[in-house]
Amino acid sequence: MIRTTLVLPASPDVVDAVIGVYNEHDILQYSLDNSEAVASELSVATDGSGAILVTAVWPSTEAYQGWLDNPERERTGTILRELLKDAVGVGQTWKIDQSVSK
């Protein structure tokens, strides 16, 4: 299993618009329904910086690559890049070594 993280460098004045794009296009649910994603979340920094964190859990790097290759991802990515004024998000992939949950 892997976890992917994407930090979007949103300014505080566009956070609601970015969240609106995720809601309008149902991005998280779409990714679950149209990929092998196991779970995903969108979080907003509590320090007022505007940073947005998008995380997802995948069964493999190949499964994640399938999402990266999805044309809908590119379409909504274009909308998000316009809102973020072409600021580049920072993405990372993490191997999940241990996990617990209630």
N, C-alpha and C. Protein backbone atom coordinates (compact mmCIF):
# COMPACT_ATOMS: atom_id res chain seq x y z
N MET A 1 0.86 -1.18 0.00
CA MET A 1 0.00 0.00 0.00
C MET A 1 0.89 1.23 0.00
N ILE A 2 0.41 2.26 -0.67
CA ILE A 2 1.10 3.53 -0.65
C ILE A 2 0.12 4.65 -0.32
N ARG A 3 0.67 5.75 0.16
CA ARG A 3 -0.10 6.98 0.39
C ARG A 3 0.52 8.04 -0.51
N THR A 4 -0.33 8.79 -1.17
CA THR A 4 0.16 9.93 -1.93
C THR A 4 -0.29 11.20 -1.23
N THR A 5 0.59 12.20 -1.26
CA THR A 5 0.26 13.50 -0.69
C THR A 5 0.51 14.56 -1.74
N LEU A 6 -0.34 15.54 -1.77
CA LEU A 6 -0.19 16.69 -2.65
C LEU A 6 -0.51 17.93 -1.84
N VAL A 7 0.48 18.80 -1.69
CA VAL A 7 0.26 20.07 -1.00
C VAL A 7 0.04 21.13 -2.07
N LEU A 8 -1.15 21.72 -2.06
CA LEU A 8 -1.47 22.79 -3.00
C LEU A 8 -1.21 24.13 -2.33
N PRO A 9 -0.38 24.96 -2.94
CA PRO A 9 0.00 26.23 -2.32
C PRO A 9 -1.05 27.31 -2.55
N ALA A 10 -2.23 27.11 -2.03
CA ALA A 10 -3.32 28.07 -2.21
C ALA A 10 -3.12 29.25 -1.28
N SER A 11 -3.45 30.42 -1.75
CA SER A 11 -3.48 31.57 -0.85
C SER A 11 -4.84 31.55 -0.13
N PRO A 12 -4.92 32.15 1.04
CA PRO A 12 -6.16 32.09 1.81
C PRO A 12 -7.39 32.58 1.03
N ASP A 13 -7.19 33.49 0.09
CA ASP A 13 -8.34 34.04 -0.65
C ASP A 13 -8.88 33.10 -1.72
N VAL A 14 -8.20 32.01 -2.04
CA VAL A 14 -8.72 31.08 -3.06
C VAL A 14 -9.06 29.70 -2.49
N VAL A 15 -8.88 29.51 -1.19
CA VAL A 15 -9.17 28.21 -0.58
C VAL A 15 -10.60 27.77 -0.87
N ASP A 16 -11.57 28.65 -0.65
CA ASP A 16 -12.97 28.27 -0.88
C ASP A 16 -13.22 27.91 -2.33
N ALA A 17 -12.58 28.61 -3.26
CA ALA A 17 -12.74 28.32 -4.69
C ALA A 17 -12.15 26.96 -5.03
N VAL A 18 -10.99 26.64 -4.47
CA VAL A 18 -10.37 25.33 -4.72
C VAL A 18 -11.26 24.22 -4.17
N ILE A 19 -11.73 24.39 -2.95
CA ILE A 19 -12.64 23.40 -2.37
C ILE A 19 -13.90 23.30 -3.22
N GLY A 20 -14.37 24.42 -3.74
CA GLY A 20 -15.53 24.43 -4.62
C GLY A 20 -15.32 23.58 -5.88
N VAL A 21 -14.13 23.64 -6.45
CA VAL A 21 -13.81 22.80 -7.62
C VAL A 21 -13.86 21.33 -7.23
N TYR A 22 -13.27 20.99 -6.09
CA TYR A 22 -13.32 19.60 -5.62
C TYR A 22 -14.76 19.16 -5.42
N ASN A 23 -15.61 20.04 -4.86
CA ASN A 23 -17.02 19.70 -4.64
C ASN A 23 -17.78 19.61 -5.96
N GLU A 24 -17.64 20.62 -6.80
CA GLU A 24 -18.39 20.68 -8.06
C GLU A 24 -18.09 19.48 -8.95
N HIS A 25 -16.84 19.09 -9.02
CA HIS A 25 -16.43 17.98 -9.89
C HIS A 25 -16.36 16.65 -9.13
N ASP A 26 -16.68 16.69 -7.84
CA ASP A 26 -16.70 15.49 -7.00
C ASP A 26 -15.41 14.69 -7.17
N ILE A 27 -14.28 15.41 -7.12
CA ILE A 27 -12.98 14.84 -7.47
C ILE A 27 -12.62 13.64 -6.60
N LEU A 28 -12.78 13.75 -5.29
CA LEU A 28 -12.40 12.64 -4.43
C LEU A 28 -13.24 11.40 -4.71
N GLN A 29 -14.54 11.57 -4.80
CA GLN A 29 -15.41 10.42 -5.07
C GLN A 29 -15.16 9.86 -6.46
N TYR A 30 -14.96 10.76 -7.44
CA TYR A 30 -14.66 10.31 -8.80
C TYR A 30 -13.40 9.44 -8.81
N SER A 31 -12.37 9.87 -8.08
CA SER A 31 -11.13 9.09 -8.06
C SER A 31 -11.36 7.72 -7.41
N LEU A 32 -12.20 7.65 -6.39
CA LEU A 32 -12.50 6.35 -5.77
C LEU A 32 -13.29 5.45 -6.73
N ASP A 33 -14.23 6.05 -7.45
CA ASP A 33 -15.09 5.28 -8.35
C ASP A 33 -14.39 4.87 -9.64
N ASN A 34 -13.36 5.60 -10.05
CA ASN A 34 -12.76 5.39 -11.36
C ASN A 34 -11.27 5.05 -11.29
N SER A 35 -10.85 4.54 -10.18
CA SER A 35 -9.47 4.11 -10.01
C SER A 35 -9.46 3.02 -8.93
N GLU A 36 -8.28 2.61 -8.58
CA GLU A 36 -8.15 1.61 -7.51
C GLU A 36 -7.90 2.25 -6.15
N ALA A 37 -8.13 3.56 -6.02
CA ALA A 37 -7.91 4.23 -4.74
C ALA A 37 -8.73 3.57 -3.64
N VAL A 38 -8.13 3.50 -2.46
CA VAL A 38 -8.78 2.90 -1.30
C VAL A 38 -9.47 3.97 -0.46
N ALA A 39 -8.85 5.14 -0.34
CA ALA A 39 -9.39 6.24 0.46
C ALA A 39 -8.71 7.54 0.01
N SER A 40 -9.38 8.65 0.25
CA SER A 40 -8.77 9.95 -0.05
C SER A 40 -9.36 11.01 0.87
N GLU A 41 -8.58 12.08 1.07
CA GLU A 41 -9.00 13.18 1.94
C GLU A 41 -8.49 14.50 1.38
N LEU A 42 -9.21 15.54 1.68
CA LEU A 42 -8.78 16.91 1.40
C LEU A 42 -8.79 17.64 2.73
N SER A 43 -7.68 18.27 3.07
CA SER A 43 -7.55 18.98 4.35
C SER A 43 -7.05 20.39 4.09
N VAL A 44 -7.44 21.31 4.96
CA VAL A 44 -7.00 22.70 4.87
C VAL A 44 -6.19 23.02 6.12
N ALA A 45 -5.05 23.67 5.93
CA ALA A 45 -4.19 24.04 7.06
C ALA A 45 -4.97 24.89 8.06
N THR A 46 -4.76 24.62 9.32
CA THR A 46 -5.45 25.36 10.38
C THR A 46 -4.72 26.64 10.77
N ASP A 47 -3.55 26.89 10.17
CA ASP A 47 -2.77 28.07 10.53
C ASP A 47 -3.12 29.31 9.71
N GLY A 48 -4.14 29.20 8.83
CA GLY A 48 -4.56 30.33 8.03
C GLY A 48 -3.71 30.57 6.79
N SER A 49 -2.75 29.71 6.52
CA SER A 49 -1.85 29.91 5.37
C SER A 49 -2.54 29.67 4.04
N GLY A 50 -3.62 28.90 4.05
CA GLY A 50 -4.32 28.57 2.81
C GLY A 50 -3.86 27.26 2.20
N ALA A 51 -2.81 26.66 2.72
CA ALA A 51 -2.32 25.41 2.15
C ALA A 51 -3.40 24.33 2.21
N ILE A 52 -3.46 23.55 1.16
CA ILE A 52 -4.42 22.45 1.07
C ILE A 52 -3.64 21.17 0.88
N LEU A 53 -4.01 20.14 1.63
CA LEU A 53 -3.36 18.84 1.54
C LEU A 53 -4.37 17.83 1.01
N VAL A 54 -3.99 17.15 -0.06
CA VAL A 54 -4.81 16.08 -0.61
C VAL A 54 -4.04 14.78 -0.44
N THR A 55 -4.65 13.80 0.21
CA THR A 55 -3.99 12.52 0.42
C THR A 55 -4.88 11.40 -0.11
N ALA A 56 -4.24 10.31 -0.50
CA ALA A 56 -4.98 9.13 -0.94
C ALA A 56 -4.17 7.89 -0.62
N VAL A 57 -4.87 6.79 -0.44
CA VAL A 57 -4.24 5.49 -0.21
C VAL A 57 -4.54 4.62 -1.42
N TRP A 58 -3.49 3.94 -1.88
CA TRP A 58 -3.55 3.12 -3.09
C TRP A 58 -2.97 1.75 -2.80
N PRO A 59 -3.43 0.70 -3.49
CA PRO A 59 -2.85 -0.62 -3.27
C PRO A 59 -1.44 -0.76 -3.84
N SER A 60 -1.07 0.10 -4.80
CA SER A 60 0.25 -0.02 -5.43
C SER A 60 0.58 1.27 -6.20
N THR A 61 1.84 1.42 -6.56
CA THR A 61 2.23 2.56 -7.39
C THR A 61 1.60 2.45 -8.78
N GLU A 62 1.38 1.24 -9.26
CA GLU A 62 0.73 1.06 -10.56
C GLU A 62 -0.71 1.55 -10.52
N ALA A 63 -1.39 1.30 -9.41
CA ALA A 63 -2.77 1.79 -9.26
C ALA A 63 -2.79 3.31 -9.27
N TYR A 64 -1.85 3.92 -8.58
CA TYR A 64 -1.77 5.39 -8.58
C TYR A 64 -1.46 5.91 -9.99
N GLN A 65 -0.59 5.24 -10.71
CA GLN A 65 -0.27 5.67 -12.07
C GLN A 65 -1.53 5.64 -12.94
N GLY A 66 -2.39 4.67 -12.71
CA GLY A 66 -3.66 4.62 -13.44
C GLY A 66 -4.47 5.89 -13.23
N TRP A 67 -4.47 6.43 -12.01
CA TRP A 67 -5.16 7.69 -11.73
C TRP A 67 -4.46 8.86 -12.40
N LEU A 68 -3.13 8.87 -12.34
CA LEU A 68 -2.38 9.95 -12.99
C LEU A 68 -2.67 10.02 -14.49
N ASP A 69 -2.95 8.88 -15.09
CA ASP A 69 -3.21 8.80 -16.53
C ASP A 69 -4.67 9.06 -16.89
N ASN A 70 -5.54 9.25 -15.91
CA ASN A 70 -6.97 9.47 -16.16
C ASN A 70 -7.20 10.85 -16.76
N PRO A 71 -7.87 10.95 -17.90
CA PRO A 71 -8.08 12.26 -18.54
C PRO A 71 -8.87 13.26 -17.69
N GLU A 72 -9.76 12.79 -16.84
CA GLU A 72 -10.53 13.70 -15.97
C GLU A 72 -9.61 14.41 -15.00
N ARG A 73 -8.58 13.72 -14.54
CA ARG A 73 -7.61 14.34 -13.63
C ARG A 73 -6.94 15.53 -14.30
N GLU A 74 -6.59 15.40 -15.55
CA GLU A 74 -5.94 16.51 -16.27
C GLU A 74 -6.92 17.67 -16.46
N ARG A 75 -8.18 17.35 -16.75
CA ARG A 75 -9.18 18.41 -16.96
C ARG A 75 -9.39 19.24 -15.70
N THR A 76 -9.58 18.57 -14.58
CA THR A 76 -9.78 19.32 -13.33
C THR A 76 -8.47 19.95 -12.87
N GLY A 77 -7.36 19.33 -13.19
CA GLY A 77 -6.05 19.92 -12.87
C GLY A 77 -5.85 21.27 -13.55
N THR A 78 -6.33 21.38 -14.76
CA THR A 78 -6.24 22.64 -15.50
C THR A 78 -7.02 23.74 -14.78
N ILE A 79 -8.21 23.41 -14.32
CA ILE A 79 -9.04 24.38 -13.58
C ILE A 79 -8.32 24.80 -12.30
N LEU A 80 -7.77 23.83 -11.58
CA LEU A 80 -7.09 24.13 -10.32
C LEU A 80 -5.84 24.97 -10.56
N ARG A 81 -5.07 24.68 -11.60
CA ARG A 81 -3.87 25.47 -11.89
C ARG A 81 -4.22 26.93 -12.17
N GLU A 82 -5.35 27.16 -12.82
CA GLU A 82 -5.78 28.54 -13.07
C GLU A 82 -6.07 29.26 -11.75
N LEU A 83 -6.74 28.59 -10.83
CA LEU A 83 -7.04 29.18 -9.53
C LEU A 83 -5.77 29.44 -8.72
N LEU A 84 -4.82 28.53 -8.85
CA LEU A 84 -3.58 28.63 -8.07
C LEU A 84 -2.52 29.46 -8.78
N LYS A 85 -2.93 30.09 -9.87
CA LYS A 85 -2.02 30.94 -10.64
C LYS A 85 -0.75 30.19 -11.05
N ASP A 86 -0.96 28.94 -11.49
CA ASP A 86 0.12 28.08 -11.96
C ASP A 86 1.17 27.76 -10.91
N ALA A 87 0.89 28.02 -9.63
CA ALA A 87 1.80 27.59 -8.57
C ALA A 87 1.84 26.06 -8.59
N VAL A 88 2.97 25.51 -8.39
CA VAL A 88 3.13 24.06 -8.49
C VAL A 88 2.91 23.42 -7.12
N GLY A 89 2.05 22.42 -7.09
CA GLY A 89 1.86 21.66 -5.87
C GLY A 89 3.04 20.72 -5.66
N VAL A 90 3.24 20.33 -4.43
CA VAL A 90 4.32 19.42 -4.09
C VAL A 90 3.71 18.06 -3.78
N GLY A 91 4.02 17.09 -4.61
CA GLY A 91 3.49 15.75 -4.43
C GLY A 91 4.57 14.78 -3.99
N GLN A 92 4.17 13.82 -3.17
CA GLN A 92 5.07 12.77 -2.73
C GLN A 92 4.31 11.45 -2.64
N THR A 93 5.04 10.37 -2.78
CA THR A 93 4.48 9.03 -2.61
C THR A 93 5.19 8.38 -1.43
N TRP A 94 4.42 7.74 -0.57
CA TRP A 94 4.94 7.15 0.65
C TRP A 94 4.54 5.68 0.70
N LYS A 95 5.47 4.81 1.05
CA LYS A 95 5.15 3.41 1.29
C LYS A 95 4.58 3.32 2.71
N ILE A 96 3.40 2.75 2.84
CA ILE A 96 2.81 2.59 4.16
C ILE A 96 3.45 1.37 4.81
N ASP A 97 4.15 1.63 5.88
CA ASP A 97 4.87 0.58 6.59
C ASP A 97 4.01 -0.02 7.68
N GLN A 98 3.28 0.80 8.40
CA GLN A 98 2.41 0.34 9.48
C GLN A 98 1.15 1.20 9.48
N SER A 99 0.04 0.60 9.88
CA SER A 99 -1.21 1.33 9.94
C SER A 99 -2.11 0.70 10.99
N VAL A 100 -2.79 1.54 11.74
CA VAL A 100 -3.81 1.08 12.68
C VAL A 100 -5.02 1.99 12.53
N SER A 101 -6.17 1.51 12.88
CA SER A 101 -7.37 2.36 12.88
C SER A 101 -8.38 1.78 13.84
N LYS A 102 -9.33 2.61 14.20
CA LYS A 102 -10.40 2.18 15.11
C LYS A 102 -11.61 1.82 14.30
